C-alpha atoms as a PDB file:
ATOM      1  CA  MET A   1     113.626  76.114 144.671  1.00  0.00           C
ATOM      2  CA  ARG A   2     115.171  76.352 141.197  1.00  0.00           C
ATOM      3  CA  THR A   3     115.694  79.834 139.750  1.00  0.00           C
ATOM      4  CA  LEU A   4     115.358  80.441 136.028  1.00  0.00           C
ATOM      5  CA  PRO A   5     118.388  82.031 134.386  1.00  0.00           C
ATOM      6  CA  PRO A   6     118.190  85.827 134.146  1.00  0.00           C
ATOM      7  CA  LEU A   7     117.008  87.312 130.898  1.00  0.00           C
ATOM      8  CA  ASP A   8     120.543  88.516 130.174  1.00  0.00           C
ATOM      9  CA  ARG A   9     121.896  84.959 130.138  1.00  0.00           C
ATOM     10  CA  ILE A  10     119.185  83.868 127.726  1.00  0.00           C
ATOM     11  CA  LEU A  11     119.767  86.849 125.426  1.00  0.00           C
ATOM     12  CA  LEU A  12     123.539  86.394 125.492  1.00  0.00           C
ATOM     13  CA  ARG A  13     123.306  82.661 124.836  1.00  0.00           C
ATOM     14  CA  THR A  14     120.800  82.896 121.982  1.00  0.00           C
ATOM     15  CA  SER A  15     122.578  85.830 120.315  1.00  0.00           C
ATOM     16  CA  GLY A  16     126.072  84.392 120.575  1.00  0.00           C
ATOM     17  CA  GLY A  17     127.046  87.124 123.045  1.00  0.00           C
ATOM     18  CA  ARG A  18     125.929  90.029 120.862  1.00  0.00           C
ATOM     19  CA  VAL A  19     122.739  91.073 122.697  1.00  0.00           C
ATOM     20  CA  SER A  20     122.070  91.696 126.392  1.00  0.00           C
ATOM     21  CA  LEU A  21     119.348  93.524 128.271  1.00  0.00           C
ATOM     22  CA  ALA A  22     121.922  96.097 129.367  1.00  0.00           C
ATOM     23  CA  ARG A  23     122.987  96.655 125.750  1.00  0.00           C
ATOM     24  CA  ILE A  24     119.343  97.144 124.699  1.00  0.00           C
ATOM     25  CA  ILE A  25     118.692  99.632 127.500  1.00  0.00           C
ATOM     26  CA  SER A  26     121.961 101.419 126.800  1.00  0.00           C
ATOM     27  CA  ALA A  27     120.986 101.786 123.123  1.00  0.00           C
ATOM     28  CA  MET A  28     117.751 103.429 124.312  1.00  0.00           C
ATOM     29  CA  GLY A  29     119.770 105.954 126.356  1.00  0.00           C
ATOM     30  CA  GLY A  30     119.835 104.118 129.699  1.00  0.00           C
ATOM     31  CA  PRO A  31     122.794 104.685 132.011  1.00  0.00           C
ATOM     32  CA  VAL A  32     124.638 101.368 131.665  1.00  0.00           C
ATOM     33  CA  ILE A  33     128.299 101.024 132.623  1.00  0.00           C
ATOM     34  CA  ARG A  34     130.671  98.080 132.657  1.00  0.00           C
ATOM     35  CA  LEU A  35     131.822  97.355 136.194  1.00  0.00           C
ATOM     36  CA  THR A  36     134.894  95.148 136.430  1.00  0.00           C
ATOM     37  CA  THR A  37     135.491  93.564 139.812  1.00  0.00           C
ATOM     38  CA  ILE A  38     138.154  91.118 140.964  1.00  0.00           C
ATOM     39  CA  GLY A  39     136.683  87.712 141.822  1.00  0.00           C
ATOM     40  CA  ALA A  40     136.626  87.143 145.585  1.00  0.00           C
ATOM     41  CA  LYS A  41     137.593  83.482 145.158  1.00  0.00           C
ATOM     42  CA  THR A  42     139.371  83.423 141.784  1.00  0.00           C
ATOM     43  CA  GLY A  43     141.249  86.721 141.734  1.00  0.00           C
ATOM     44  CA  LYS A  44     140.234  87.080 138.058  1.00  0.00           C
ATOM     45  CA  GLU A  45     138.660  90.154 136.486  1.00  0.00           C
ATOM     46  CA  ARG A  46     134.879  89.870 136.265  1.00  0.00           C
ATOM     47  CA  PRO A  47     133.196  92.463 134.007  1.00  0.00           C
ATOM     48  CA  VAL A  48     129.433  92.937 134.279  1.00  0.00           C
ATOM     49  CA  PRO A  49     127.032  95.521 132.806  1.00  0.00           C
ATOM     50  CA  VAL A  50     125.144  97.448 135.507  1.00  0.00           C
ATOM     51  CA  PHE A  51     122.960 100.527 135.711  1.00  0.00           C
ATOM     52  CA  GLY A  52     125.095 103.457 136.790  1.00  0.00           C
ATOM     53  CA  LEU A  53     124.037 106.826 138.117  1.00  0.00           C
ATOM     54  CA  ARG A  54     126.598 109.549 137.443  1.00  0.00           C
ATOM     55  CA  ASP A  55     127.210 111.892 140.389  1.00  0.00           C
ATOM     56  CA  GLY A  56     130.011 114.310 139.548  1.00  0.00           C
ATOM     57  CA  ASP A  57     133.182 112.249 139.270  1.00  0.00           C
ATOM     58  CA  ARG A  58     131.561 109.275 141.023  1.00  0.00           C
ATOM     59  CA  TRP A  59     129.265 106.489 139.872  1.00  0.00           C
ATOM     60  CA  VAL A  60     126.502 104.911 141.957  1.00  0.00           C
ATOM     61  CA  VAL A  61     125.238 101.374 141.361  1.00  0.00           C
ATOM     62  CA  ILE A  62     122.684  99.210 143.129  1.00  0.00           C
ATOM     63  CA  ALA A  63     123.057  95.517 143.872  1.00  0.00           C
ATOM     64  CA  SER A  64     119.404  94.728 143.146  1.00  0.00           C
ATOM     65  CA  ASN A  65     120.080  91.411 141.379  1.00  0.00           C
ATOM     66  CA  TRP A  66     116.722  91.890 139.628  1.00  0.00           C
ATOM     67  CA  GLY A  67     114.983  91.486 143.013  1.00  0.00           C
ATOM     68  CA  ARG A  68     116.362  88.081 143.915  1.00  0.00           C
ATOM     69  CA  GLU A  69     116.810  87.172 147.578  1.00  0.00           C
ATOM     70  CA  ALA A  70     120.635  87.053 147.295  1.00  0.00           C
ATOM     71  CA  HIS A  71     123.121  89.782 146.436  1.00  0.00           C
ATOM     72  CA  PRO A  72     124.701  89.558 142.955  1.00  0.00           C
ATOM     73  CA  ALA A  73     128.149  87.976 142.661  1.00  0.00           C
ATOM     74  CA  TRP A  74     129.731  91.288 141.658  1.00  0.00           C
ATOM     75  CA  TYR A  75     128.687  92.778 145.013  1.00  0.00           C
ATOM     76  CA  HIS A  76     130.479  90.011 146.928  1.00  0.00           C
ATOM     77  CA  ASN A  77     133.519  90.559 144.718  1.00  0.00           C
ATOM     78  CA  LEU A  78     133.745  94.286 145.414  1.00  0.00           C
ATOM     79  CA  LYS A  79     133.206  93.755 149.142  1.00  0.00           C
ATOM     80  CA  ALA A  80     136.277  91.486 149.096  1.00  0.00           C
ATOM     81  CA  ASN A  81     138.213  93.743 146.674  1.00  0.00           C
ATOM     82  CA  PRO A  82     136.841  97.317 146.587  1.00  0.00           C
ATOM     83  CA  GLU A  83     139.203  98.424 143.802  1.00  0.00           C
ATOM     84  CA  VAL A  84     137.199  98.246 140.553  1.00  0.00           C
ATOM     85  CA  LYS A  85     137.249  99.503 136.972  1.00  0.00           C
ATOM     86  CA  VAL A  86     134.370 101.409 135.419  1.00  0.00           C
ATOM     87  CA  THR A  87     133.897 101.756 131.684  1.00  0.00           C
ATOM     88  CA  ALA A  88     131.356 104.326 130.510  1.00  0.00           C
ATOM     89  CA  GLY A  89     131.286 104.777 126.781  1.00  0.00           C
ATOM     90  CA  ASP A  90     134.921 104.821 125.667  1.00  0.00           C
ATOM     91  CA  GLN A  91     136.267 106.000 129.054  1.00  0.00           C
ATOM     92  CA  THR A  92     137.703 103.534 131.598  1.00  0.00           C
ATOM     93  CA  GLY A  93     138.889 104.481 135.062  1.00  0.00           C
ATOM     94  CA  GLU A  94     139.968 102.989 138.375  1.00  0.00           C
ATOM     95  CA  TYR A  95     137.535 103.421 141.271  1.00  0.00           C
ATOM     96  CA  VAL A  96     137.138 102.437 144.903  1.00  0.00           C
ATOM     97  CA  ALA A  97     133.786 101.073 146.079  1.00  0.00           C
ATOM     98  CA  ARG A  98     132.028 101.778 149.347  1.00  0.00           C
ATOM     99  CA  GLU A  99     128.481 101.172 150.486  1.00  0.00           C
ATOM    100  CA  ALA A 100     126.213 104.187 150.983  1.00  0.00           C
ATOM    101  CA  THR A 101     124.268 104.345 154.248  1.00  0.00           C
ATOM    102  CA  GLY A 102     121.643 106.510 155.926  1.00  0.00           C
ATOM    103  CA  ASP A 103     120.454 109.649 154.165  1.00  0.00           C
ATOM    104  CA  GLU A 104     123.003 109.270 151.385  1.00  0.00           C
ATOM    105  CA  ARG A 105     121.624 105.791 150.564  1.00  0.00           C
ATOM    106  CA  GLU A 106     118.032 107.049 150.541  1.00  0.00           C
ATOM    107  CA  GLU A 107     118.909 110.007 148.321  1.00  0.00           C
ATOM    108  CA  TYR A 108     120.598 107.757 145.775  1.00  0.00           C
ATOM    109  CA  LEU A 109     117.760 105.226 145.872  1.00  0.00           C
ATOM    110  CA  ASN A 110     115.270 108.009 145.095  1.00  0.00           C
ATOM    111  CA  ARG A 111     117.400 109.278 142.198  1.00  0.00           C
ATOM    112  CA  ILE A 112     117.839 105.775 140.794  1.00  0.00           C
ATOM    113  CA  ALA A 113     114.098 105.061 141.103  1.00  0.00           C
ATOM    114  CA  GLU A 114     113.444 108.067 138.851  1.00  0.00           C
ATOM    115  CA  LEU A 115     115.630 106.471 136.155  1.00  0.00           C
ATOM    116  CA  ASN A 116     114.519 102.894 136.792  1.00  0.00           C
ATOM    117  CA  PRO A 117     110.886 102.547 137.909  1.00  0.00           C
ATOM    118  CA  GLY A 118     111.449  98.775 138.229  1.00  0.00           C
ATOM    119  CA  LEU A 119     113.461  99.385 141.409  1.00  0.00           C
ATOM    120  CA  GLU A 120     110.304  99.300 143.538  1.00  0.00           C
ATOM    121  CA  THR A 121     109.457  95.860 142.136  1.00  0.00           C
ATOM    122  CA  TYR A 122     113.000  94.649 142.839  1.00  0.00           C
ATOM    123  CA  GLN A 123     112.736  95.836 146.444  1.00  0.00           C
ATOM    124  CA  LYS A 124     109.428  94.002 146.968  1.00  0.00           C
ATOM    125  CA  ARG A 125     110.691  90.855 145.268  1.00  0.00           C
ATOM    126  CA  SER A 126     113.917  90.729 147.302  1.00  0.00           C
ATOM    127  CA  GLY A 127     112.030  90.028 150.536  1.00  0.00           C
ATOM    128  CA  GLU A 128     113.938  90.931 153.683  1.00  0.00           C
ATOM    129  CA  ARG A 129     117.146  91.749 151.805  1.00  0.00           C
ATOM    130  CA  SER A 130     118.173  95.385 151.878  1.00  0.00           C
ATOM    131  CA  ILE A 131     119.410  96.292 148.400  1.00  0.00           C
ATOM    132  CA  PRO A 132     122.924  97.733 148.701  1.00  0.00           C
ATOM    133  CA  VAL A 133     123.726 101.093 147.143  1.00  0.00           C
ATOM    134  CA  VAL A 134     127.389 101.306 146.166  1.00  0.00           C
ATOM    135  CA  VAL A 135     129.316 104.523 145.544  1.00  0.00           C
ATOM    136  CA  LEU A 136     132.301 104.250 143.206  1.00  0.00           C
ATOM    137  CA  SER A 137     134.796 107.068 143.768  1.00  0.00           C
ATOM    138  CA  PRO A 138     137.797 107.645 141.501  1.00  0.00           C
ATOM    139  CA  SER A 139     141.019 106.166 142.817  1.00  0.00           C
ATOM    140  CA  GLU A 140     143.921 108.579 143.267  1.00  0.00           C
ATOM    141  CA  GLU A 141     145.317 107.557 139.850  1.00  0.00           C
ATOM    142  CA  THR A 142     142.047 108.257 138.035  1.00  0.00           C
ATOM    143  CA  ALA A 143     141.518 111.516 139.927  1.00  0.00           C
ATOM    144  CA  ALA A 144     145.021 112.691 138.981  1.00  0.00           C
ATOM    145  CA  ASP A 145     144.380 111.888 135.300  1.00  0.00           C
ATOM    146  CA  GLY A 146     141.031 113.707 135.223  1.00  0.00           C
END
């Protein structure tokens, strides 16, 4: 089955890279961060805009992939290389990713659903796939700077 390109790709292509869904939501006050992972196969930096929930000095992101049946590429990248960069506004820091489980996962999912009511649709659309919740904690370098 062929999948249509995500709305972001269409917006980026037609606007010459100036407009994305994340940029639109961010302009409306949505919590969008730039997550930079290291490619699992290429070893190259891969920046991607994602919804981020701030929790103290940590960020929480979900690998919903808009409800597709497969995890997003960035999730596979951070599983292979959990050291990531997060840019929020004009602040960039080094973080370490880990997957939330159990009660912690459920708590974050509930908090994210309050900010993004589309999460329920993503969960239904993703079929049997459990949407990962990823906690990004400051690396020792970032924590020392803060």
